[in-house]
Amino acid sequence: MTDTPARLLNLLSLLQTPREWPGSELAERLGVTTRTIRRDIERLRDLGYPVQATMGAIGGYRLAAGAAMPPLVLDDEEAVAIAVGLRAGAGHAVEGIEEASVRALAKLEQVLPSRLRHRVAALQAATVPLTRGDGATVDPRTLTVMAAAATGQERLRFAYRKGDGTETQRLVEPHRLVSTGRRWYLVAYDLDRGDWRTFRVDRVSEPFATGARFVQRELPAADAAEFMSRSLARLQPTYRVVATLEAPASFVAARLPRAIGTPVPIDDRRCRLDIPTADSLEWVAFRLALLDCEFRVHEPRELIDHLRELGARVSRAAEPAED
């Protein structure tokens, strides 16, 4: 292998596997001499890669953890696995999948060969999650286009369906994507309306970056998450939910999304859950029903009524069918 850049990339790919490589084995894999391997190792070190060497009969080379993340060199199967995982998480707004994951997906899909893009899309289309909750799903491509435009400070145009079903065209300066655990939102400056807006990503279609750059405006909030919280508070009513759960706090905490709240122990067998601002009683009811423990809701009255109606409906569904 006489192409030095290609050889260095292949060497880096081998060193990223969690094992030590004897110089002779690396030389055999790459079709060069052990002396060339030593020179290539020094080149990688000069580029900032922390390659460690151990002496002796079982010694060799390995890539250690460094101060910065080196570029990963992935084979086809690894790239497809990562892309599918990121797309699945982003598409269903799984809690914990934040904007950084979407940016990673955008970078990965940008460099994926066409053949791998088709494989990722096919696997994604053939995969159905067991549960979705009540969060609306989004197209991962929409997220990646938005993330790339926000990172590159590039104006974004898209079609948007409002809550009443009205279709509009929007031209915005994207700021950040925000995940609430159930839905994705875009915080952006709307050029046509001359003000900051939030957009539900599941209502966006045909997004594309226009190529026009912009200078980031000052957001009227500490960060995008705070701005998003204020917007949600204005758009819909919120409720304070208080419930007693017949299970230890550690049991409940392991089964509740962090966005809902943290249970407080009452004693070894019970805990109290206090959610100051719940925006969806249906979602709270769904999460409480999945806890696999007895519980009693103290407030709000709307949630108590919803659970009573839901319980009656479930009971009727379990009754024997009439002939």
C-alpha atoms as a PDB file:
ATOM      1  CA  MET A   1       0.000   0.000   0.000  1.00  0.00           C
ATOM      2  CA  THR A   2       1.851   3.053  -1.275  1.00  0.00           C
ATOM      3  CA  ASP A   3      -0.902   5.678  -0.719  1.00  0.00           C
ATOM      4  CA  THR A   4       0.218   7.172   2.610  1.00  0.00           C
ATOM      5  CA  PRO A   5      -3.049   9.025   3.507  1.00  0.00           C
ATOM      6  CA  ALA A   6      -5.125   5.938   2.748  1.00  0.00           C
ATOM      7  CA  ARG A   7      -2.714   3.768   4.717  1.00  0.00           C
ATOM      8  CA  LEU A   8      -2.889   6.122   7.725  1.00  0.00           C
ATOM      9  CA  LEU A   9      -6.688   6.002   7.671  1.00  0.00           C
ATOM     10  CA  ASN A  10      -6.634   2.206   7.548  1.00  0.00           C
ATOM     11  CA  LEU A  11      -4.089   2.120  10.364  1.00  0.00           C
ATOM     12  CA  LEU A  12      -6.253   4.469  12.441  1.00  0.00           C
ATOM     13  CA  SER A  13      -9.279   2.274  11.781  1.00  0.00           C
ATOM     14  CA  LEU A  14      -7.440  -0.792  13.074  1.00  0.00           C
ATOM     15  CA  LEU A  15      -6.154   1.013  16.154  1.00  0.00           C
ATOM     16  CA  GLN A  16      -9.683   2.111  17.088  1.00  0.00           C
ATOM     17  CA  THR A  17     -10.669  -1.465  17.866  1.00  0.00           C
ATOM     18  CA  PRO A  18     -10.273  -2.258  21.611  1.00  0.00           C
ATOM     19  CA  ARG A  19      -7.116  -4.373  21.456  1.00  0.00           C
ATOM     20  CA  GLU A  20      -3.351  -4.129  21.083  1.00  0.00           C
ATOM     21  CA  TRP A  21      -1.865  -4.716  17.652  1.00  0.00           C
ATOM     22  CA  PRO A  22       1.650  -6.167  17.273  1.00  0.00           C
ATOM     23  CA  GLY A  23       3.657  -4.217  14.721  1.00  0.00           C
ATOM     24  CA  SER A  24       4.147  -7.346  12.623  1.00  0.00           C
ATOM     25  CA  GLU A  25       0.382  -7.958  12.400  1.00  0.00           C
ATOM     26  CA  LEU A  26      -0.277  -4.342  11.405  1.00  0.00           C
ATOM     27  CA  ALA A  27       2.433  -4.601   8.753  1.00  0.00           C
ATOM     28  CA  GLU A  28       0.872  -7.786   7.377  1.00  0.00           C
ATOM     29  CA  ARG A  29      -2.624  -6.251   7.335  1.00  0.00           C
ATOM     30  CA  LEU A  30      -1.456  -3.151   5.473  1.00  0.00           C
ATOM     31  CA  GLY A  31       1.107  -4.852   3.221  1.00  0.00           C
ATOM     32  CA  VAL A  32       4.101  -2.822   4.418  1.00  0.00           C
ATOM     33  CA  THR A  33       7.191  -3.328   6.584  1.00  0.00           C
ATOM     34  CA  THR A  34       7.289  -2.943  10.360  1.00  0.00           C
ATOM     35  CA  ARG A  35       9.603   0.042   9.834  1.00  0.00           C
ATOM     36  CA  THR A  36       6.861   1.748   7.802  1.00  0.00           C
ATOM     37  CA  ILE A  37       4.395   0.996  10.587  1.00  0.00           C
ATOM     38  CA  ARG A  38       6.693   2.703  13.116  1.00  0.00           C
ATOM     39  CA  ARG A  39       6.934   5.777  10.878  1.00  0.00           C
ATOM     40  CA  ASP A  40       3.152   5.847  10.413  1.00  0.00           C
ATOM     41  CA  ILE A  41       2.624   5.593  14.169  1.00  0.00           C
ATOM     42  CA  GLU A  42       4.843   8.656  14.625  1.00  0.00           C
ATOM     43  CA  ARG A  43       2.831  10.499  11.950  1.00  0.00           C
ATOM     44  CA  LEU A  44      -0.384   9.747  13.841  1.00  0.00           C
ATOM     45  CA  ARG A  45       1.173  11.001  17.058  1.00  0.00           C
ATOM     46  CA  ASP A  46       2.261  14.196  15.309  1.00  0.00           C
ATOM     47  CA  LEU A  47      -1.376  14.664  14.234  1.00  0.00           C
ATOM     48  CA  GLY A  48      -2.484  14.437  17.865  1.00  0.00           C
ATOM     49  CA  TYR A  49      -3.583  10.810  18.126  1.00  0.00           C
ATOM     50  CA  PRO A  50      -2.441   9.281  21.466  1.00  0.00           C
ATOM     51  CA  VAL A  51      -1.032   5.976  20.208  1.00  0.00           C
ATOM     52  CA  GLN A  52       0.505   3.976  23.059  1.00  0.00           C
ATOM     53  CA  ALA A  53       3.166   1.307  22.610  1.00  0.00           C
ATOM     54  CA  THR A  54       4.037  -1.568  24.934  1.00  0.00           C
ATOM     55  CA  MET A  55       7.196  -3.618  24.744  1.00  0.00           C
ATOM     56  CA  GLY A  56       7.726  -7.360  25.020  1.00  0.00           C
ATOM     57  CA  ALA A  57       6.523 -10.526  23.338  1.00  0.00           C
ATOM     58  CA  ILE A  58       2.836  -9.619  23.734  1.00  0.00           C
ATOM     59  CA  GLY A  59       3.312  -5.883  23.306  1.00  0.00           C
ATOM     60  CA  GLY A  60       2.017  -3.747  20.519  1.00  0.00           C
ATOM     61  CA  TYR A  61       0.165  -0.544  19.681  1.00  0.00           C
ATOM     62  CA  ARG A  62      -3.203   0.749  20.818  1.00  0.00           C
ATOM     63  CA  LEU A  63      -5.124   4.034  20.647  1.00  0.00           C
ATOM     64  CA  ALA A  64      -5.603   5.536  24.100  1.00  0.00           C
ATOM     65  CA  ALA A  65      -8.161   8.067  25.286  1.00  0.00           C
ATOM     66  CA  GLY A  66      -6.965  11.571  24.511  1.00  0.00           C
ATOM     67  CA  ALA A  67      -7.958  15.135  25.311  1.00  0.00           C
ATOM     68  CA  ALA A  68     -10.047  15.462  22.144  1.00  0.00           C
ATOM     69  CA  MET A  69     -12.303  13.148  20.164  1.00  0.00           C
ATOM     70  CA  PRO A  70     -10.438  11.882  17.065  1.00  0.00           C
ATOM     71  CA  PRO A  71     -12.320  11.322  13.795  1.00  0.00           C
ATOM     72  CA  LEU A  72     -13.853   7.867  13.857  1.00  0.00           C
ATOM     73  CA  VAL A  73     -13.158   5.536  10.967  1.00  0.00           C
ATOM     74  CA  LEU A  74     -16.167   3.214  10.635  1.00  0.00           C
ATOM     75  CA  ASP A  75     -16.728   0.218   8.424  1.00  0.00           C
ATOM     76  CA  ASP A  76     -20.027  -0.169   6.548  1.00  0.00           C
ATOM     77  CA  GLU A  77     -21.781  -2.231   9.214  1.00  0.00           C
ATOM     78  CA  GLU A  78     -20.751   0.124  12.032  1.00  0.00           C
ATOM     79  CA  ALA A  79     -21.881   3.214  10.116  1.00  0.00           C
ATOM     80  CA  VAL A  80     -25.274   1.669   9.324  1.00  0.00           C
ATOM     81  CA  ALA A  81     -25.791   0.558  12.945  1.00  0.00           C
ATOM     82  CA  ILE A  82     -25.034   4.028  14.328  1.00  0.00           C
ATOM     83  CA  ALA A  83     -27.169   5.815  11.742  1.00  0.00           C
ATOM     84  CA  VAL A  84     -30.159   3.520  12.318  1.00  0.00           C
ATOM     85  CA  GLY A  85     -29.899   3.991  16.080  1.00  0.00           C
ATOM     86  CA  LEU A  86     -29.701   7.769  15.822  1.00  0.00           C
ATOM     87  CA  ARG A  87     -32.547   7.955  13.291  1.00  0.00           C
ATOM     88  CA  ALA A  88     -34.790   5.756  15.440  1.00  0.00           C
ATOM     89  CA  GLY A  89     -34.152   7.832  18.541  1.00  0.00           C
ATOM     90  CA  ALA A  90     -34.550  11.153  16.775  1.00  0.00           C
ATOM     91  CA  GLY A  91     -37.633  10.103  14.825  1.00  0.00           C
ATOM     92  CA  HIS A  92     -39.549   9.129  17.968  1.00  0.00           C
ATOM     93  CA  ALA A  93     -38.255  11.899  20.230  1.00  0.00           C
ATOM     94  CA  VAL A  94     -36.967   9.422  22.809  1.00  0.00           C
ATOM     95  CA  GLU A  95     -36.072  11.124  26.083  1.00  0.00           C
ATOM     96  CA  GLY A  96     -32.350  11.779  26.311  1.00  0.00           C
ATOM     97  CA  ILE A  97     -31.873  12.161  22.554  1.00  0.00           C
ATOM     98  CA  GLU A  98     -30.825  15.782  22.490  1.00  0.00           C
ATOM     99  CA  GLU A  99     -29.742  18.167  19.747  1.00  0.00           C
ATOM    100  CA  ALA A 100     -26.166  16.873  19.915  1.00  0.00           C
ATOM    101  CA  SER A 101     -27.399  13.479  18.708  1.00  0.00           C
ATOM    102  CA  VAL A 102     -29.209  15.090  15.792  1.00  0.00           C
ATOM    103  CA  ARG A 103     -26.059  17.027  14.853  1.00  0.00           C
ATOM    104  CA  ALA A 104     -24.117  13.762  14.929  1.00  0.00           C
ATOM    105  CA  LEU A 105     -26.718  12.176  12.656  1.00  0.00           C
ATOM    106  CA  ALA A 106     -26.500  15.132  10.263  1.00  0.00           C
ATOM    107  CA  LYS A 107     -22.724  14.775  10.032  1.00  0.00           C
ATOM    108  CA  LEU A 108     -22.892  11.009   9.561  1.00  0.00           C
ATOM    109  CA  GLU A 109     -25.576  11.076   6.867  1.00  0.00           C
ATOM    110  CA  GLN A 110     -23.703  13.806   5.000  1.00  0.00           C
ATOM    111  CA  VAL A 111     -20.762  11.494   4.358  1.00  0.00           C
ATOM    112  CA  LEU A 112     -22.606   8.169   4.014  1.00  0.00           C
ATOM    113  CA  PRO A 113     -22.204   6.623   0.561  1.00  0.00           C
ATOM    114  CA  SER A 114     -25.432   6.271  -1.392  1.00  0.00           C
ATOM    115  CA  ARG A 115     -25.494   2.503  -0.962  1.00  0.00           C
ATOM    116  CA  LEU A 116     -25.395   2.880   2.836  1.00  0.00           C
ATOM    117  CA  ARG A 117     -28.069   5.582   2.859  1.00  0.00           C
ATOM    118  CA  HIS A 118     -30.410   3.146   1.114  1.00  0.00           C
ATOM    119  CA  ARG A 119     -29.638   0.455   3.704  1.00  0.00           C
ATOM    120  CA  VAL A 120     -30.271   2.841   6.598  1.00  0.00           C
ATOM    121  CA  ALA A 121     -33.579   3.996   5.083  1.00  0.00           C
ATOM    122  CA  ALA A 122     -34.682   0.403   4.448  1.00  0.00           C
ATOM    123  CA  LEU A 123     -33.878  -0.699   7.989  1.00  0.00           C
ATOM    124  CA  GLN A 124     -35.609   2.340   9.461  1.00  0.00           C
ATOM    125  CA  ALA A 125     -38.738   1.729   7.383  1.00  0.00           C
ATOM    126  CA  ALA A 126     -38.840  -1.939   8.405  1.00  0.00           C
ATOM    127  CA  THR A 127     -38.465  -1.225  12.129  1.00  0.00           C
ATOM    128  CA  VAL A 128     -41.548  -0.588  14.264  1.00  0.00           C
ATOM    129  CA  PRO A 129     -41.163   0.494  17.917  1.00  0.00           C
ATOM    130  CA  LEU A 130     -43.209  -1.440  20.477  1.00  0.00           C
ATOM    131  CA  THR A 131     -44.503   1.747  22.129  1.00  0.00           C
ATOM    132  CA  ARG A 132     -44.575   5.346  20.998  1.00  0.00           C
ATOM    133  CA  GLY A 133     -46.462   7.161  23.759  1.00  0.00           C
ATOM    134  CA  ASP A 134     -48.520  10.069  22.448  1.00  0.00           C
ATOM    135  CA  GLY A 135     -45.619  11.980  20.934  1.00  0.00           C
ATOM    136  CA  ALA A 136     -45.817  12.688  17.218  1.00  0.00           C
ATOM    137  CA  THR A 137     -43.088  11.118  15.122  1.00  0.00           C
ATOM    138  CA  VAL A 138     -40.849  13.189  12.880  1.00  0.00           C
ATOM    139  CA  ASP A 139     -38.811  12.511   9.773  1.00  0.00           C
ATOM    140  CA  PRO A 140     -35.142  12.241  10.827  1.00  0.00           C
ATOM    141  CA  ARG A 141     -34.155  13.938   7.557  1.00  0.00           C
ATOM    142  CA  THR A 142     -36.160  16.995   8.624  1.00  0.00           C
ATOM    143  CA  LEU A 143     -34.225  17.104  11.883  1.00  0.00           C
ATOM    144  CA  THR A 144     -30.853  16.770  10.174  1.00  0.00           C
ATOM    145  CA  VAL A 145     -31.633  19.516   7.639  1.00  0.00           C
ATOM    146  CA  MET A 146     -32.689  21.834  10.461  1.00  0.00           C
ATOM    147  CA  ALA A 147     -29.690  20.983  12.636  1.00  0.00           C
ATOM    148  CA  ALA A 148     -27.272  21.590   9.769  1.00  0.00           C
ATOM    149  CA  ALA A 149     -28.917  24.950   8.937  1.00  0.00           C
ATOM    150  CA  ALA A 150     -28.809  26.081  12.566  1.00  0.00           C
ATOM    151  CA  THR A 151     -25.172  25.058  12.985  1.00  0.00           C
ATOM    152  CA  GLY A 152     -24.154  26.699   9.694  1.00  0.00           C
ATOM    153  CA  GLN A 153     -26.301  29.817  10.368  1.00  0.00           C
ATOM    154  CA  GLU A 154     -28.127  29.371   7.077  1.00  0.00           C
ATOM    155  CA  ARG A 155     -31.675  30.566   6.448  1.00  0.00           C
ATOM    156  CA  LEU A 156     -34.269  27.816   6.224  1.00  0.00           C
ATOM    157  CA  ARG A 157     -37.485  27.621   4.199  1.00  0.00           C
ATOM    158  CA  PHE A 158     -40.228  25.056   4.820  1.00  0.00           C
ATOM    159  CA  ALA A 159     -43.955  24.360   4.620  1.00  0.00           C
ATOM    160  CA  TYR A 160     -45.722  24.492   7.984  1.00  0.00           C
ATOM    161  CA  ARG A 161     -49.115  23.142   9.030  1.00  0.00           C
ATOM    162  CA  LYS A 162     -50.651  25.211  11.832  1.00  0.00           C
ATOM    163  CA  GLY A 163     -52.782  23.747  14.602  1.00  0.00           C
ATOM    164  CA  ASP A 164     -55.981  24.519  12.709  1.00  0.00           C
ATOM    165  CA  GLY A 165     -54.683  22.734   9.612  1.00  0.00           C
ATOM    166  CA  THR A 166     -53.775  25.874   7.644  1.00  0.00           C
ATOM    167  CA  GLU A 167     -50.721  25.408   5.400  1.00  0.00           C
ATOM    168  CA  THR A 168     -48.165  28.245   5.321  1.00  0.00           C
ATOM    169  CA  GLN A 169     -44.694  28.844   3.910  1.00  0.00           C
ATOM    170  CA  ARG A 170     -42.043  30.015   6.366  1.00  0.00           C
ATOM    171  CA  LEU A 171     -38.619  31.603   5.951  1.00  0.00           C
ATOM    172  CA  VAL A 172     -36.655  31.567   9.208  1.00  0.00           C
ATOM    173  CA  GLU A 173     -33.253  31.931  10.795  1.00  0.00           C
ATOM    174  CA  PRO A 174     -32.987  28.673  12.779  1.00  0.00           C
ATOM    175  CA  HIS A 175     -31.552  28.941  16.277  1.00  0.00           C
ATOM    176  CA  ARG A 176     -31.872  25.594  18.065  1.00  0.00           C
ATOM    177  CA  LEU A 177     -33.815  22.331  18.100  1.00  0.00           C
ATOM    178  CA  VAL A 178     -35.442  21.465  21.429  1.00  0.00           C
ATOM    179  CA  SER A 179     -36.723  18.035  22.468  1.00  0.00           C
ATOM    180  CA  THR A 180     -39.399  17.896  25.162  1.00  0.00           C
ATOM    181  CA  GLY A 181     -39.196  14.096  25.390  1.00  0.00           C
ATOM    182  CA  ARG A 182     -42.425  13.658  23.372  1.00  0.00           C
ATOM    183  CA  ARG A 183     -41.969  16.190  20.587  1.00  0.00           C
ATOM    184  CA  TRP A 184     -39.298  18.144  18.728  1.00  0.00           C
ATOM    185  CA  TYR A 185     -39.537  21.919  18.308  1.00  0.00           C
ATOM    186  CA  LEU A 186     -37.527  24.418  16.276  1.00  0.00           C
ATOM    187  CA  VAL A 187     -36.780  27.782  17.870  1.00  0.00           C
ATOM    188  CA  ALA A 188     -36.204  30.291  15.066  1.00  0.00           C
ATOM    189  CA  TYR A 189     -36.560  33.928  14.051  1.00  0.00           C
ATOM    190  CA  ASP A 190     -39.442  34.217  11.583  1.00  0.00           C
ATOM    191  CA  LEU A 191     -38.404  36.744   8.934  1.00  0.00           C
ATOM    192  CA  ASP A 192     -41.915  37.302   7.561  1.00  0.00           C
ATOM    193  CA  ARG A 193     -43.378  38.016  11.006  1.00  0.00           C
ATOM    194  CA  GLY A 194     -40.335  39.822  12.373  1.00  0.00           C
ATOM    195  CA  ASP A 195     -40.328  37.905  15.647  1.00  0.00           C
ATOM    196  CA  TRP A 196     -39.129  34.748  17.369  1.00  0.00           C
ATOM    197  CA  ARG A 197     -41.305  31.672  16.937  1.00  0.00           C
ATOM    198  CA  THR A 198     -41.420  27.985  17.869  1.00  0.00           C
ATOM    199  CA  PHE A 199     -42.419  25.324  15.330  1.00  0.00           C
ATOM    200  CA  ARG A 200     -43.475  21.733  15.952  1.00  0.00           C
ATOM    201  CA  VAL A 201     -41.162  19.687  13.764  1.00  0.00           C
ATOM    202  CA  ASP A 202     -43.796  17.025  13.063  1.00  0.00           C
ATOM    203  CA  ARG A 203     -45.803  19.750  11.285  1.00  0.00           C
ATOM    204  CA  VAL A 204     -42.877  20.768   9.054  1.00  0.00           C
ATOM    205  CA  SER A 205     -42.470  19.458   5.515  1.00  0.00           C
ATOM    206  CA  GLU A 206     -40.103  20.086   2.609  1.00  0.00           C
ATOM    207  CA  PRO A 207     -37.404  21.910   4.592  1.00  0.00           C
ATOM    208  CA  PHE A 208     -34.374  23.168   2.683  1.00  0.00           C
ATOM    209  CA  ALA A 209     -31.492  25.485   3.440  1.00  0.00           C
ATOM    210  CA  THR A 210     -31.523  28.515   1.129  1.00  0.00           C
ATOM    211  CA  GLY A 211     -27.771  29.100   1.134  1.00  0.00           C
ATOM    212  CA  ALA A 212     -28.234  32.641   2.533  1.00  0.00           C
ATOM    213  CA  ARG A 213     -26.127  33.147   5.657  1.00  0.00           C
ATOM    214  CA  PHE A 214     -27.207  35.220   8.652  1.00  0.00           C
ATOM    215  CA  VAL A 215     -25.730  36.677  11.845  1.00  0.00           C
ATOM    216  CA  GLN A 216     -27.276  35.107  14.930  1.00  0.00           C
ATOM    217  CA  ARG A 217     -29.774  37.414  16.673  1.00  0.00           C
ATOM    218  CA  GLU A 218     -30.005  37.692  20.436  1.00  0.00           C
ATOM    219  CA  LEU A 219     -32.636  35.301  21.770  1.00  0.00           C
ATOM    220  CA  PRO A 220     -35.035  36.956  24.270  1.00  0.00           C
ATOM    221  CA  ALA A 221     -34.335  34.262  26.871  1.00  0.00           C
ATOM    222  CA  ALA A 222     -31.385  32.670  28.639  1.00  0.00           C
ATOM    223  CA  ASP A 223     -31.417  29.765  26.185  1.00  0.00           C
ATOM    224  CA  ALA A 224     -33.651  27.915  23.740  1.00  0.00           C
ATOM    225  CA  ALA A 225     -35.047  25.590  26.423  1.00  0.00           C
ATOM    226  CA  GLU A 226     -36.259  28.532  28.519  1.00  0.00           C
ATOM    227  CA  PHE A 227     -37.779  30.205  25.463  1.00  0.00           C
ATOM    228  CA  MET A 228     -39.525  26.948  24.564  1.00  0.00           C
ATOM    229  CA  SER A 229     -40.937  26.580  28.085  1.00  0.00           C
ATOM    230  CA  ARG A 230     -42.373  30.106  27.969  1.00  0.00           C
ATOM    231  CA  SER A 231     -43.943  29.449  24.577  1.00  0.00           C
ATOM    232  CA  LEU A 232     -45.597  26.227  25.739  1.00  0.00           C
ATOM    233  CA  ALA A 233     -46.955  27.978  28.824  1.00  0.00           C
ATOM    234  CA  ARG A 234     -48.612  30.611  26.622  1.00  0.00           C
ATOM    235  CA  LEU A 235     -49.994  28.136  24.097  1.00  0.00           C
ATOM    236  CA  GLN A 236     -51.718  25.648  26.354  1.00  0.00           C
ATOM    237  CA  PRO A 237     -52.981  25.225  29.921  1.00  0.00           C
ATOM    238  CA  THR A 238     -50.765  23.501  32.442  1.00  0.00           C
ATOM    239  CA  TYR A 239     -51.697  21.510  35.520  1.00  0.00           C
ATOM    240  CA  ARG A 240     -50.055  20.702  38.803  1.00  0.00           C
ATOM    241  CA  VAL A 241     -50.185  16.953  39.366  1.00  0.00           C
ATOM    242  CA  VAL A 242     -49.840  15.471  42.866  1.00  0.00           C
ATOM    243  CA  ALA A 243     -50.021  11.716  43.415  1.00  0.00           C
ATOM    244  CA  THR A 244     -49.103   9.106  46.005  1.00  0.00           C
ATOM    245  CA  LEU A 245     -47.487   5.956  44.637  1.00  0.00           C
ATOM    246  CA  GLU A 246     -47.475   2.628  46.479  1.00  0.00           C
ATOM    247  CA  ALA A 247     -43.857   1.828  45.666  1.00  0.00           C
ATOM    248  CA  PRO A 248     -40.381   2.938  46.801  1.00  0.00           C
ATOM    249  CA  ALA A 249     -39.104   6.172  45.278  1.00  0.00           C
ATOM    250  CA  SER A 250     -36.181   4.358  43.642  1.00  0.00           C
ATOM    251  CA  PHE A 251     -38.592   1.934  41.912  1.00  0.00           C
ATOM    252  CA  VAL A 252     -40.701   4.787  40.528  1.00  0.00           C
ATOM    253  CA  ALA A 253     -37.725   6.956  39.505  1.00  0.00           C
ATOM    254  CA  ALA A 254     -36.294   4.109  37.409  1.00  0.00           C
ATOM    255  CA  ARG A 255     -39.552   3.901  35.426  1.00  0.00           C
ATOM    256  CA  LEU A 256     -40.405   7.581  34.963  1.00  0.00           C
ATOM    257  CA  PRO A 257     -38.907   9.939  32.363  1.00  0.00           C
ATOM    258  CA  ARG A 258     -36.876  12.637  34.065  1.00  0.00           C
ATOM    259  CA  ALA A 259     -38.997  15.292  32.355  1.00  0.00           C
ATOM    260  CA  ILE A 260     -42.030  14.256  34.437  1.00  0.00           C
ATOM    261  CA  GLY A 261     -40.443  14.779  37.854  1.00  0.00           C
ATOM    262  CA  THR A 262     -38.606  13.147  40.738  1.00  0.00           C
ATOM    263  CA  PRO A 263     -40.552  11.115  43.325  1.00  0.00           C
ATOM    264  CA  VAL A 264     -39.962  11.994  46.993  1.00  0.00           C
ATOM    265  CA  PRO A 265     -39.976   9.145  49.561  1.00  0.00           C
ATOM    266  CA  ILE A 266     -42.785   9.094  52.139  1.00  0.00           C
ATOM    267  CA  ASP A 267     -41.477   5.893  53.743  1.00  0.00           C
ATOM    268  CA  ASP A 268     -39.804   2.681  52.562  1.00  0.00           C
ATOM    269  CA  ARG A 269     -42.904   1.575  50.640  1.00  0.00           C
ATOM    270  CA  ARG A 270     -44.468   4.804  49.344  1.00  0.00           C
ATOM    271  CA  CYS A 271     -43.481   8.004  47.604  1.00  0.00           C
ATOM    272  CA  ARG A 272     -45.037  11.267  46.456  1.00  0.00           C
ATOM    273  CA  LEU A 273     -44.881  12.695  42.941  1.00  0.00           C
ATOM    274  CA  ASP A 274     -45.368  16.433  42.421  1.00  0.00           C
ATOM    275  CA  ILE A 275     -45.360  17.730  38.821  1.00  0.00           C
ATOM    276  CA  PRO A 276     -45.627  21.555  38.886  1.00  0.00           C
ATOM    277  CA  THR A 277     -46.468  22.076  35.189  1.00  0.00           C
ATOM    278  CA  ALA A 278     -47.895  19.152  33.229  1.00  0.00           C
ATOM    279  CA  ASP A 279     -49.143  20.128  29.769  1.00  0.00           C
ATOM    280  CA  SER A 280     -50.829  16.831  28.856  1.00  0.00           C
ATOM    281  CA  LEU A 281     -53.047  14.967  31.297  1.00  0.00           C
ATOM    282  CA  GLU A 282     -53.321  12.060  28.842  1.00  0.00           C
ATOM    283  CA  TRP A 283     -49.541  11.679  28.801  1.00  0.00           C
ATOM    284  CA  VAL A 284     -49.312  11.763  32.611  1.00  0.00           C
ATOM    285  CA  ALA A 285     -52.094   9.186  32.899  1.00  0.00           C
ATOM    286  CA  PHE A 286     -50.309   6.958  30.396  1.00  0.00           C
ATOM    287  CA  ARG A 287     -46.999   7.166  32.298  1.00  0.00           C
ATOM    288  CA  LEU A 288     -48.633   6.522  35.691  1.00  0.00           C
ATOM    289  CA  ALA A 289     -50.463   3.471  34.315  1.00  0.00           C
ATOM    290  CA  LEU A 290     -47.147   2.007  33.116  1.00  0.00           C
ATOM    291  CA  LEU A 291     -45.522   2.153  36.579  1.00  0.00           C
ATOM    292  CA  ASP A 292     -46.770  -1.309  37.632  1.00  0.00           C
ATOM    293  CA  CYS A 293     -47.818  -0.109  41.090  1.00  0.00           C
ATOM    294  CA  GLU A 294     -50.912   1.223  42.848  1.00  0.00           C
ATOM    295  CA  PHE A 295     -51.291   4.999  42.904  1.00  0.00           C
ATOM    296  CA  ARG A 296     -53.757   7.684  43.946  1.00  0.00           C
ATOM    297  CA  VAL A 297     -54.009  11.087  42.278  1.00  0.00           C
ATOM    298  CA  HIS A 298     -54.830  13.991  44.628  1.00  0.00           C
ATOM    299  CA  GLU A 299     -54.919  16.775  42.023  1.00  0.00           C
ATOM    300  CA  PRO A 300     -55.894  18.103  39.554  1.00  0.00           C
ATOM    301  CA  ARG A 301     -59.551  17.231  39.336  1.00  0.00           C
ATOM    302  CA  GLU A 302     -59.246  17.021  35.526  1.00  0.00           C
ATOM    303  CA  LEU A 303     -56.731  14.155  35.783  1.00  0.00           C
ATOM    304  CA  ILE A 304     -58.883  12.331  38.338  1.00  0.00           C
ATOM    305  CA  ASP A 305     -61.895  12.584  36.004  1.00  0.00           C
ATOM    306  CA  HIS A 306     -59.804  11.436  33.030  1.00  0.00           C
ATOM    307  CA  LEU A 307     -58.520   8.375  34.929  1.00  0.00           C
ATOM    308  CA  ARG A 308     -62.064   7.524  36.064  1.00  0.00           C
ATOM    309  CA  GLU A 309     -63.346   7.662  32.480  1.00  0.00           C
ATOM    310  CA  LEU A 310     -60.340   5.725  31.210  1.00  0.00           C
ATOM    311  CA  GLY A 311     -60.808   3.045  33.883  1.00  0.00           C
ATOM    312  CA  ALA A 312     -64.478   2.631  32.990  1.00  0.00           C
ATOM    313  CA  ARG A 313     -63.617   2.315  29.310  1.00  0.00           C
ATOM    314  CA  VAL A 314     -60.956  -0.323  30.018  1.00  0.00           C
ATOM    315  CA  SER A 315     -63.371  -2.247  32.255  1.00  0.00           C
ATOM    316  CA  ARG A 316     -66.028  -2.284  29.552  1.00  0.00           C
ATOM    317  CA  ALA A 317     -63.462  -3.566  27.073  1.00  0.00           C
ATOM    318  CA  ALA A 318     -62.797  -6.558  29.341  1.00  0.00           C
ATOM    319  CA  GLU A 319     -66.456  -7.566  29.620  1.00  0.00           C
ATOM    320  CA  PRO A 320     -67.611 -10.648  27.692  1.00  0.00           C
ATOM    321  CA  ALA A 321     -68.967  -9.854  24.244  1.00  0.00           C
ATOM    322  CA  GLU A 322     -72.735 -10.152  23.860  1.00  0.00           C
ATOM    323  CA  ASP A 323     -74.029 -12.695  21.379  1.00  0.00           C
END
